């Protein structure tokens, strides 16, 4: 690690050198986790009987918390009889 004196703050800051961790590794990890969550959601909705497009749509609105409306019955009913 290389310690640099910040010209603005006058404090020591730490920066990884060429042998330090890749700064894109956290982005890659986040993208990988997001893709896995989406894949598990799509598979789950497919198991419940939705079509592929509907499963992707339902997973997208669930993960992003938009929550429009259900695309169809997915093994449960939200309406009272």
PDB file of N, CA and C in Angstrom:
ATOM      1  N   UNK A   1       0.824  -1.180   0.000  1.00  0.00           N
ATOM      2  CA  UNK A   1       0.000   0.000   0.000  1.00  0.00           C
ATOM      3  C   UNK A   1       0.870   1.246   0.000  1.00  0.00           C
ATOM      4  N   UNK A   2       0.404   2.224  -0.699  1.00  0.00           N
ATOM      5  CA  UNK A   2       1.115   3.483  -0.790  1.00  0.00           C
ATOM      6  C   UNK A   2       0.326   4.520  -0.013  1.00  0.00           C
ATOM      7  N   UNK A   3       1.004   5.235   0.875  1.00  0.00           N
ATOM      8  CA  UNK A   3       0.339   6.293   1.627  1.00  0.00           C
ATOM      9  C   UNK A   3       0.664   7.622   0.959  1.00  0.00           C
ATOM     10  N   UNK A   4      -0.353   8.346   0.596  1.00  0.00           N
ATOM     11  CA  UNK A   4      -0.187   9.631  -0.068  1.00  0.00           C
ATOM     12  C   UNK A   4      -0.744  10.740   0.814  1.00  0.00           C
ATOM     13  N   UNK A   5      -0.072  11.868   0.823  1.00  0.00           N
ATOM     14  CA  UNK A   5      -0.581  12.997   1.574  1.00  0.00           C
ATOM     15  C   UNK A   5      -1.490  13.788   0.642  1.00  0.00           C
ATOM     16  N   UNK A   6      -2.735  13.934   1.063  1.00  0.00           N
ATOM     17  CA  UNK A   6      -3.707  14.655   0.255  1.00  0.00           C
ATOM     18  C   UNK A   6      -3.381  16.147   0.296  1.00  0.00           C
ATOM     19  N   UNK A   7      -3.242  16.789  -0.870  1.00  0.00           N
ATOM     20  CA  UNK A   7      -2.905  18.207  -0.869  1.00  0.00           C
ATOM     21  C   UNK A   7      -4.048  19.078  -0.347  1.00  0.00           C
ATOM     22  N   UNK A   8      -5.271  18.610  -0.445  1.00  0.00           N
ATOM     23  CA  UNK A   8      -6.407  19.417  -0.015  1.00  0.00           C
ATOM     24  C   UNK A   8      -6.638  19.273   1.485  1.00  0.00           C
ATOM     25  N   UNK A   9      -6.742  18.027   1.952  1.00  0.00           N
ATOM     26  CA  UNK A   9      -7.078  17.802   3.352  1.00  0.00           C
ATOM     27  C   UNK A   9      -5.841  17.739   4.234  1.00  0.00           C
ATOM     28  N   UNK A  10      -4.677  17.433   3.668  1.00  0.00           N
ATOM     29  CA  UNK A  10      -3.472  17.348   4.473  1.00  0.00           C
ATOM     30  C   UNK A  10      -3.415  16.085   5.308  1.00  0.00           C
ATOM     31  N   UNK A  11      -4.278  15.137   5.014  1.00  0.00           N
ATOM     32  CA  UNK A  11      -4.297  13.880   5.766  1.00  0.00           C
ATOM     33  C   UNK A  11      -3.711  12.773   4.917  1.00  0.00           C
ATOM     34  N   UNK A  12      -3.348  11.697   5.587  1.00  0.00           N
ATOM     35  CA  UNK A  12      -2.849  10.536   4.862  1.00  0.00           C
ATOM     36  C   UNK A  12      -4.024   9.753   4.309  1.00  0.00           C
ATOM     37  N   UNK A  13      -3.939   9.387   3.059  1.00  0.00           N
ATOM     38  CA  UNK A  13      -4.949   8.545   2.439  1.00  0.00           C
ATOM     39  C   UNK A  13      -4.261   7.279   1.951  1.00  0.00           C
ATOM     40  N   UNK A  14      -5.014   6.203   1.883  1.00  0.00           N
ATOM     41  CA  UNK A  14      -4.466   4.917   1.458  1.00  0.00           C
ATOM     42  C   UNK A  14      -4.976   4.586   0.071  1.00  0.00           C
ATOM     43  N   UNK A  15      -4.072   4.213  -0.779  1.00  0.00           N
ATOM     44  CA  UNK A  15      -4.433   3.806  -2.137  1.00  0.00           C
ATOM     45  C   UNK A  15      -3.697   2.520  -2.457  1.00  0.00           C
ATOM     46  N   UNK A  16      -4.401   1.554  -3.038  1.00  0.00           N
ATOM     47  CA  UNK A  16      -3.770   0.293  -3.408  1.00  0.00           C
ATOM     48  C   UNK A  16      -2.879   0.509  -4.615  1.00  0.00           C
ATOM     49  N   UNK A  17      -1.742  -0.107  -4.584  1.00  0.00           N
ATOM     50  CA  UNK A  17      -0.814  -0.004  -5.704  1.00  0.00           C
ATOM     51  C   UNK A  17      -1.148  -1.018  -6.779  1.00  0.00           C
ATOM     52  N   UNK A  18      -0.226  -1.235  -7.721  1.00  0.00           N
ATOM     53  CA  UNK A  18      -0.462  -2.157  -8.822  1.00  0.00           C
ATOM     54  C   UNK A  18      -0.713  -3.588  -8.338  1.00  0.00           C
ATOM     55  N   UNK A  19      -0.172  -3.936  -7.178  1.00  0.00           N
ATOM     56  CA  UNK A  19      -0.372  -5.298  -6.690  1.00  0.00           C
ATOM     57  C   UNK A  19      -1.592  -5.398  -5.771  1.00  0.00           C
ATOM     58  N   UNK A  20      -2.333  -4.307  -5.586  1.00  0.00           N
ATOM     59  CA  UNK A  20      -3.502  -4.296  -4.713  1.00  0.00           C
ATOM     60  C   UNK A  20      -4.711  -4.919  -5.375  1.00  0.00           C
ATOM     61  N   UNK A  21      -5.836  -4.938  -4.657  1.00  0.00           N
ATOM     62  CA  UNK A  21      -7.051  -5.551  -5.205  1.00  0.00           C
ATOM     63  C   UNK A  21      -7.591  -4.781  -6.400  1.00  0.00           C
ATOM     64  N   UNK A  22      -8.242  -5.507  -7.277  1.00  0.00           N
ATOM     65  CA  UNK A  22      -8.836  -4.922  -8.470  1.00  0.00           C
ATOM     66  C   UNK A  22     -10.038  -4.077  -8.054  1.00  0.00           C
ATOM     67  N   UNK A  23     -10.116  -2.816  -8.437  1.00  0.00           N
ATOM     68  CA  UNK A  23     -11.259  -1.985  -8.024  1.00  0.00           C
ATOM     69  C   UNK A  23     -12.577  -2.431  -8.647  1.00  0.00           C
ATOM     70  N   UNK A  24     -12.538  -3.184  -9.727  1.00  0.00           N
ATOM     71  CA  UNK A  24     -13.767  -3.650 -10.373  1.00  0.00           C
ATOM     72  C   UNK A  24     -14.281  -4.946  -9.758  1.00  0.00           C
ATOM     73  N   UNK A  25     -13.549  -5.521  -8.802  1.00  0.00           N
ATOM     74  CA  UNK A  25     -13.986  -6.793  -8.224  1.00  0.00           C
ATOM     75  C   UNK A  25     -15.301  -6.641  -7.463  1.00  0.00           C
ATOM     76  N   UNK A  26     -15.526  -5.499  -6.818  1.00  0.00           N
ATOM     77  CA  UNK A  26     -16.789  -5.280  -6.111  1.00  0.00           C
ATOM     78  C   UNK A  26     -17.948  -5.115  -7.092  1.00  0.00           C
ATOM     79  N   UNK A  27     -17.693  -4.479  -8.220  1.00  0.00           N
ATOM     80  CA  UNK A  27     -18.729  -4.325  -9.242  1.00  0.00           C
ATOM     81  C   UNK A  27     -19.095  -5.690  -9.808  1.00  0.00           C
ATOM     82  N   UNK A  28     -18.066  -6.491 -10.092  1.00  0.00           N
ATOM     83  CA  UNK A  28     -18.299  -7.842 -10.604  1.00  0.00           C
ATOM     84  C   UNK A  28     -19.078  -8.688  -9.606  1.00  0.00           C
ATOM     85  N   UNK A  29     -18.740  -8.570  -8.329  1.00  0.00           N
ATOM     86  CA  UNK A  29     -19.447  -9.327  -7.298  1.00  0.00           C
ATOM     87  C   UNK A  29     -20.913  -8.907  -7.234  1.00  0.00           C
ATOM     88  N   UNK A  30     -21.175  -7.615  -7.252  1.00  0.00           N
ATOM     89  CA  UNK A  30     -22.552  -7.127  -7.215  1.00  0.00           C
ATOM     90  C   UNK A  30     -23.351  -7.573  -8.427  1.00  0.00           C
ATOM     91  N   UNK A  31     -22.739  -7.507  -9.601  1.00  0.00           N
ATOM     92  CA  UNK A  31     -23.425  -7.939 -10.822  1.00  0.00           C
ATOM     93  C   UNK A  31     -23.704  -9.442 -10.788  1.00  0.00           C
ATOM     94  N   UNK A  32     -22.761 -10.213 -10.274  1.00  0.00           N
ATOM     95  CA  UNK A  32     -22.946 -11.658 -10.176  1.00  0.00           C
ATOM     96  C   UNK A  32     -24.088 -11.995  -9.226  1.00  0.00           C
ATOM     97  N   UNK A  33     -24.140 -11.325  -8.077  1.00  0.00           N
ATOM     98  CA  UNK A  33     -25.209 -11.569  -7.112  1.00  0.00           C
ATOM     99  C   UNK A  33     -26.557 -11.176  -7.707  1.00  0.00           C
ATOM    100  N   UNK A  34     -26.611 -10.056  -8.420  1.00  0.00           N
ATOM    101  CA  UNK A  34     -27.859  -9.625  -9.048  1.00  0.00           C
ATOM    102  C   UNK A  34     -28.335 -10.652 -10.079  1.00  0.00           C
ATOM    103  N   UNK A  35     -27.434 -11.147 -10.909  1.00  0.00           N
ATOM    104  CA  UNK A  35     -27.794 -12.139 -11.923  1.00  0.00           C
ATOM    105  C   UNK A  35     -28.285 -13.426 -11.254  1.00  0.00           C
ATOM    106  N   UNK A  36     -27.640 -13.842 -10.173  1.00  0.00           N
ATOM    107  CA  UNK A  36     -28.081 -15.047  -9.465  1.00  0.00           C
ATOM    108  C   UNK A  36     -29.465 -14.854  -8.856  1.00  0.00           C
ATOM    109  N   UNK A  37     -29.729 -13.702  -8.273  1.00  0.00           N
ATOM    110  CA  UNK A  37     -31.048 -13.424  -7.698  1.00  0.00           C
ATOM    111  C   UNK A  37     -32.109 -13.437  -8.787  1.00  0.00           C
ATOM    112  N   UNK A  38     -31.814 -12.804  -9.921  1.00  0.00           N
ATOM    113  CA  UNK A  38     -32.772 -12.809 -11.030  1.00  0.00           C
ATOM    114  C   UNK A  38     -33.012 -14.220 -11.554  1.00  0.00           C
ATOM    115  N   UNK A  39     -31.958 -15.018 -11.674  1.00  0.00           N
ATOM    116  CA  UNK A  39     -32.108 -16.385 -12.173  1.00  0.00           C
ATOM    117  C   UNK A  39     -32.949 -17.229 -11.224  1.00  0.00           C
ATOM    118  N   UNK A  40     -32.693 -17.115  -9.936  1.00  0.00           N
ATOM    119  CA  UNK A  40     -33.473 -17.883  -8.959  1.00  0.00           C
ATOM    120  C   UNK A  40     -34.931 -17.428  -8.984  1.00  0.00           C
ATOM    121  N   UNK A  41     -35.167 -16.131  -9.111  1.00  0.00           N
ATOM    122  CA  UNK A  41     -36.533 -15.630  -9.189  1.00  0.00           C
ATOM    123  C   UNK A  41     -37.272 -16.134 -10.413  1.00  0.00           C
ATOM    124  N   UNK A  42     -36.618 -16.116 -11.563  1.00  0.00           N
ATOM    125  CA  UNK A  42     -37.250 -16.595 -12.793  1.00  0.00           C
ATOM    126  C   UNK A  42     -37.555 -18.085 -12.679  1.00  0.00           C
ATOM    127  N   UNK A  43     -36.613 -18.857 -12.173  1.00  0.00           N
ATOM    128  CA  UNK A  43     -36.848 -20.300 -12.013  1.00  0.00           C
ATOM    129  C   UNK A  43     -38.007 -20.530 -11.041  1.00  0.00           C
ATOM    130  N   UNK A  44     -38.052 -19.776  -9.966  1.00  0.00           N
ATOM    131  CA  UNK A  44     -39.137 -19.930  -9.008  1.00  0.00           C
ATOM    132  C   UNK A  44     -40.498 -19.628  -9.602  1.00  0.00           C
ATOM    133  N   UNK A  45     -40.597 -18.544 -10.344  1.00  0.00           N
ATOM    134  CA  UNK A  45     -41.873 -18.212 -10.985  1.00  0.00           C
ATOM    135  C   UNK A  45     -42.235 -19.211 -12.076  1.00  0.00           C
ATOM    136  N   UNK A  46     -41.228 -19.770 -12.754  1.00  0.00           N
ATOM    137  CA  UNK A  46     -41.511 -20.808 -13.756  1.00  0.00           C
ATOM    138  C   UNK A  46     -42.075 -22.055 -13.079  1.00  0.00           C
ATOM    139  N   UNK A  47     -41.533 -22.405 -11.917  1.00  0.00           N
ATOM    140  CA  UNK A  47     -42.036 -23.557 -11.165  1.00  0.00           C
ATOM    141  C   UNK A  47     -43.483 -23.319 -10.749  1.00  0.00           C
ATOM    142  N   UNK A  48     -43.822 -22.065 -10.440  1.00  0.00           N
ATOM    143  CA  UNK A  48     -45.194 -21.740 -10.051  1.00  0.00           C
ATOM    144  C   UNK A  48     -46.145 -21.693 -11.237  1.00  0.00           C
ATOM    145  N   UNK A  49     -45.616 -21.835 -12.458  1.00  0.00           N
ATOM    146  CA  UNK A  49     -46.484 -21.966 -13.618  1.00  0.00           C
ATOM    147  C   UNK A  49     -46.551 -20.761 -14.539  1.00  0.00           C
ATOM    148  N   UNK A  50     -45.735 -19.760 -14.344  1.00  0.00           N
ATOM    149  CA  UNK A  50     -45.744 -18.612 -15.247  1.00  0.00           C
ATOM    150  C   UNK A  50     -44.895 -18.903 -16.477  1.00  0.00           C
ATOM    151  N   UNK A  51     -45.215 -18.221 -17.580  1.00  0.00           N
ATOM    152  CA  UNK A  51     -44.397 -18.314 -18.783  1.00  0.00           C
ATOM    153  C   UNK A  51     -43.075 -17.589 -18.574  1.00  0.00           C
ATOM    154  N   UNK A  52     -42.148 -17.774 -19.505  1.00  0.00           N
ATOM    155  CA  UNK A  52     -40.817 -17.188 -19.358  1.00  0.00           C
ATOM    156  C   UNK A  52     -40.880 -15.665 -19.275  1.00  0.00           C
ATOM    157  N   UNK A  53     -41.602 -15.024 -20.202  1.00  0.00           N
ATOM    158  CA  UNK A  53     -41.688 -13.561 -20.180  1.00  0.00           C
ATOM    159  C   UNK A  53     -42.322 -13.073 -18.888  1.00  0.00           C
ATOM    160  N   UNK A  54     -43.413 -13.729 -18.472  1.00  0.00           N
ATOM    161  CA  UNK A  54     -44.086 -13.330 -17.241  1.00  0.00           C
ATOM    162  C   UNK A  54     -43.189 -13.542 -16.018  1.00  0.00           C
ATOM    163  N   UNK A  55     -42.408 -14.619 -16.019  1.00  0.00           N
ATOM    164  CA  UNK A  55     -41.496 -14.884 -14.901  1.00  0.00           C
ATOM    165  C   UNK A  55     -40.411 -13.820 -14.815  1.00  0.00           C
ATOM    166  N   UNK A  56     -39.868 -13.426 -15.965  1.00  0.00           N
ATOM    167  CA  UNK A  56     -38.848 -12.367 -15.979  1.00  0.00           C
ATOM    168  C   UNK A  56     -39.465 -11.045 -15.526  1.00  0.00           C
ATOM    169  N   UNK A  57     -40.668 -10.745 -16.003  1.00  0.00           N
ATOM    170  CA  UNK A  57     -41.364  -9.513 -15.628  1.00  0.00           C
ATOM    171  C   UNK A  57     -41.631  -9.489 -14.122  1.00  0.00           C
ATOM    172  N   UNK A  58     -42.193 -10.582 -13.599  1.00  0.00           N
ATOM    173  CA  UNK A  58     -42.506 -10.644 -12.171  1.00  0.00           C
ATOM    174  C   UNK A  58     -41.240 -10.510 -11.330  1.00  0.00           C
ATOM    175  N   UNK A  59     -40.168 -11.165 -11.744  1.00  0.00           N
ATOM    176  CA  UNK A  59     -38.909 -11.065 -11.004  1.00  0.00           C
ATOM    177  C   UNK A  59     -38.386  -9.635 -11.041  1.00  0.00           C
ATOM    178  N   UNK A  60     -38.462  -9.008 -12.204  1.00  0.00           N
ATOM    179  CA  UNK A  60     -37.982  -7.625 -12.325  1.00  0.00           C
ATOM    180  C   UNK A  60     -38.750  -6.660 -11.439  1.00  0.00           C
ATOM    181  N   UNK A  61     -40.073  -6.756 -11.434  1.00  0.00           N
ATOM    182  CA  UNK A  61     -40.832  -5.810 -10.619  1.00  0.00           C
ATOM    183  C   UNK A  61     -40.734  -6.138  -9.137  1.00  0.00           C
ATOM    184  N   UNK A  62     -40.438  -7.389  -8.812  1.00  0.00           N
ATOM    185  CA  UNK A  62     -40.252  -7.750  -7.411  1.00  0.00           C
ATOM    186  C   UNK A  62     -38.909  -7.257  -6.895  1.00  0.00           C
ATOM    187  N   UNK A  63     -37.841  -7.493  -7.656  1.00  0.00           N
ATOM    188  CA  UNK A  63     -36.504  -7.093  -7.224  1.00  0.00           C
ATOM    189  C   UNK A  63     -36.376  -5.573  -7.169  1.00  0.00           C
ATOM    190  N   UNK A  64     -36.965  -4.883  -8.128  1.00  0.00           N
ATOM    191  CA  UNK A  64     -36.866  -3.420  -8.127  1.00  0.00           C
ATOM    192  C   UNK A  64     -37.908  -2.770  -7.231  1.00  0.00           C
ATOM    193  N   UNK A  65     -38.749  -3.553  -6.611  1.00  0.00           N
ATOM    194  CA  UNK A  65     -39.813  -3.114  -5.698  1.00  0.00           C
ATOM    195  C   UNK A  65     -40.798  -2.158  -6.346  1.00  0.00           C
ATOM    196  N   UNK A  66     -40.963  -2.247  -7.659  1.00  0.00           N
ATOM    197  CA  UNK A  66     -41.960  -1.431  -8.344  1.00  0.00           C
ATOM    198  C   UNK A  66     -43.344  -1.952  -7.997  1.00  0.00           C
ATOM    199  N   UNK A  67     -43.534  -3.255  -8.129  1.00  0.00           N
ATOM    200  CA  UNK A  67     -44.747  -3.924  -7.717  1.00  0.00           C
ATOM    201  C   UNK A  67     -46.010  -3.472  -8.414  1.00  0.00           C
ATOM    202  N   UNK A  68     -46.067  -3.509  -9.736  1.00  0.00           N
ATOM    203  CA  UNK A  68     -47.286  -3.147 -10.453  1.00  0.00           C
ATOM    204  C   UNK A  68     -48.390  -4.116 -10.098  1.00  0.00           C
ATOM    205  N   UNK A  69     -48.658  -5.082 -10.901  1.00  0.00           N
ATOM    206  CA  UNK A  69     -49.677  -6.072 -10.584  1.00  0.00           C
ATOM    207  C   UNK A  69     -49.213  -7.428 -11.050  1.00  0.00           C
ATOM    208  N   UNK A  70     -49.842  -8.454 -10.488  1.00  0.00           N
ATOM    209  CA  UNK A  70     -49.499  -9.821 -10.856  1.00  0.00           C
ATOM    210  C   UNK A  70     -49.867 -10.069 -12.313  1.00  0.00           C
ATOM    211  N   UNK A  71     -49.075 -10.885 -12.986  1.00  0.00           N
ATOM    212  CA  UNK A  71     -49.360 -11.190 -14.385  1.00  0.00           C
ATOM    213  C   UNK A  71     -50.389 -12.293 -14.520  1.00  0.00           C
ATOM    214  N   UNK A  72     -50.657 -12.986 -13.476  1.00  0.00           N
ATOM    215  CA  UNK A  72     -51.636 -14.065 -13.500  1.00  0.00           C
ATOM    216  C   UNK A  72     -51.521 -14.864 -12.224  1.00  0.00           C
ATOM    217  N   UNK A  73     -52.393 -15.827 -12.070  1.00  0.00           N
ATOM    218  CA  UNK A  73     -52.320 -16.634 -10.858  1.00  0.00           C
ATOM    219  C   UNK A  73     -51.030 -17.445 -10.836  1.00  0.00           C
ATOM    220  N   UNK A  74     -50.342 -17.383  -9.732  1.00  0.00           N
ATOM    221  CA  UNK A  74     -49.082 -18.112  -9.603  1.00  0.00           C
ATOM    222  C   UNK A  74     -49.177 -19.115  -8.464  1.00  0.00           C
ATOM    223  N   UNK A  75     -50.287 -19.817  -8.404  1.00  0.00           N
ATOM    224  CA  UNK A  75     -50.457 -20.817  -7.374  1.00  0.00           C
ATOM    225  C   UNK A  75     -51.111 -20.278  -6.110  1.00  0.00           C
ATOM    226  N   UNK A  76     -51.443 -19.013  -6.092  1.00  0.00           N
ATOM    227  CA  UNK A  76     -52.111 -18.424  -4.942  1.00  0.00           C
ATOM    228  C   UNK A  76     -53.039 -17.330  -5.434  1.00  0.00           C
ATOM    229  N   UNK A  77     -53.988 -16.997  -4.640  1.00  0.00           N
ATOM    230  CA  UNK A  77     -54.960 -15.992  -5.037  1.00  0.00           C
ATOM    231  C   UNK A  77     -54.921 -14.841  -4.035  1.00  0.00           C
ATOM    232  N   UNK A  78     -54.957 -13.610  -4.546  1.00  0.00           N
ATOM    233  CA  UNK A  78     -54.967 -12.457  -3.662  1.00  0.00           C
ATOM    234  C   UNK A  78     -56.384 -11.901  -3.521  1.00  0.00           C
ATOM    235  N   UNK A  79     -57.358 -12.516  -4.205  1.00  0.00           N
ATOM    236  CA  UNK A  79     -58.734 -12.053  -4.153  1.00  0.00           C
ATOM    237  C   UNK A  79     -59.540 -12.920  -3.188  1.00  0.00           C
ATOM    238  N   UNK A  80     -60.413 -12.278  -2.425  1.00  0.00           N
ATOM    239  CA  UNK A  80     -61.281 -13.057  -1.540  1.00  0.00           C
ATOM    240  C   UNK A  80     -62.522 -13.475  -2.295  1.00  0.00           C
ATOM    241  N   UNK A  81     -63.006 -14.648  -1.993  1.00  0.00           N
ATOM    242  CA  UNK A  81     -64.165 -15.186  -2.709  1.00  0.00           C
ATOM    243  C   UNK A  81     -65.472 -14.725  -2.135  1.00  0.00           C
TER     244      UNK A  81
END
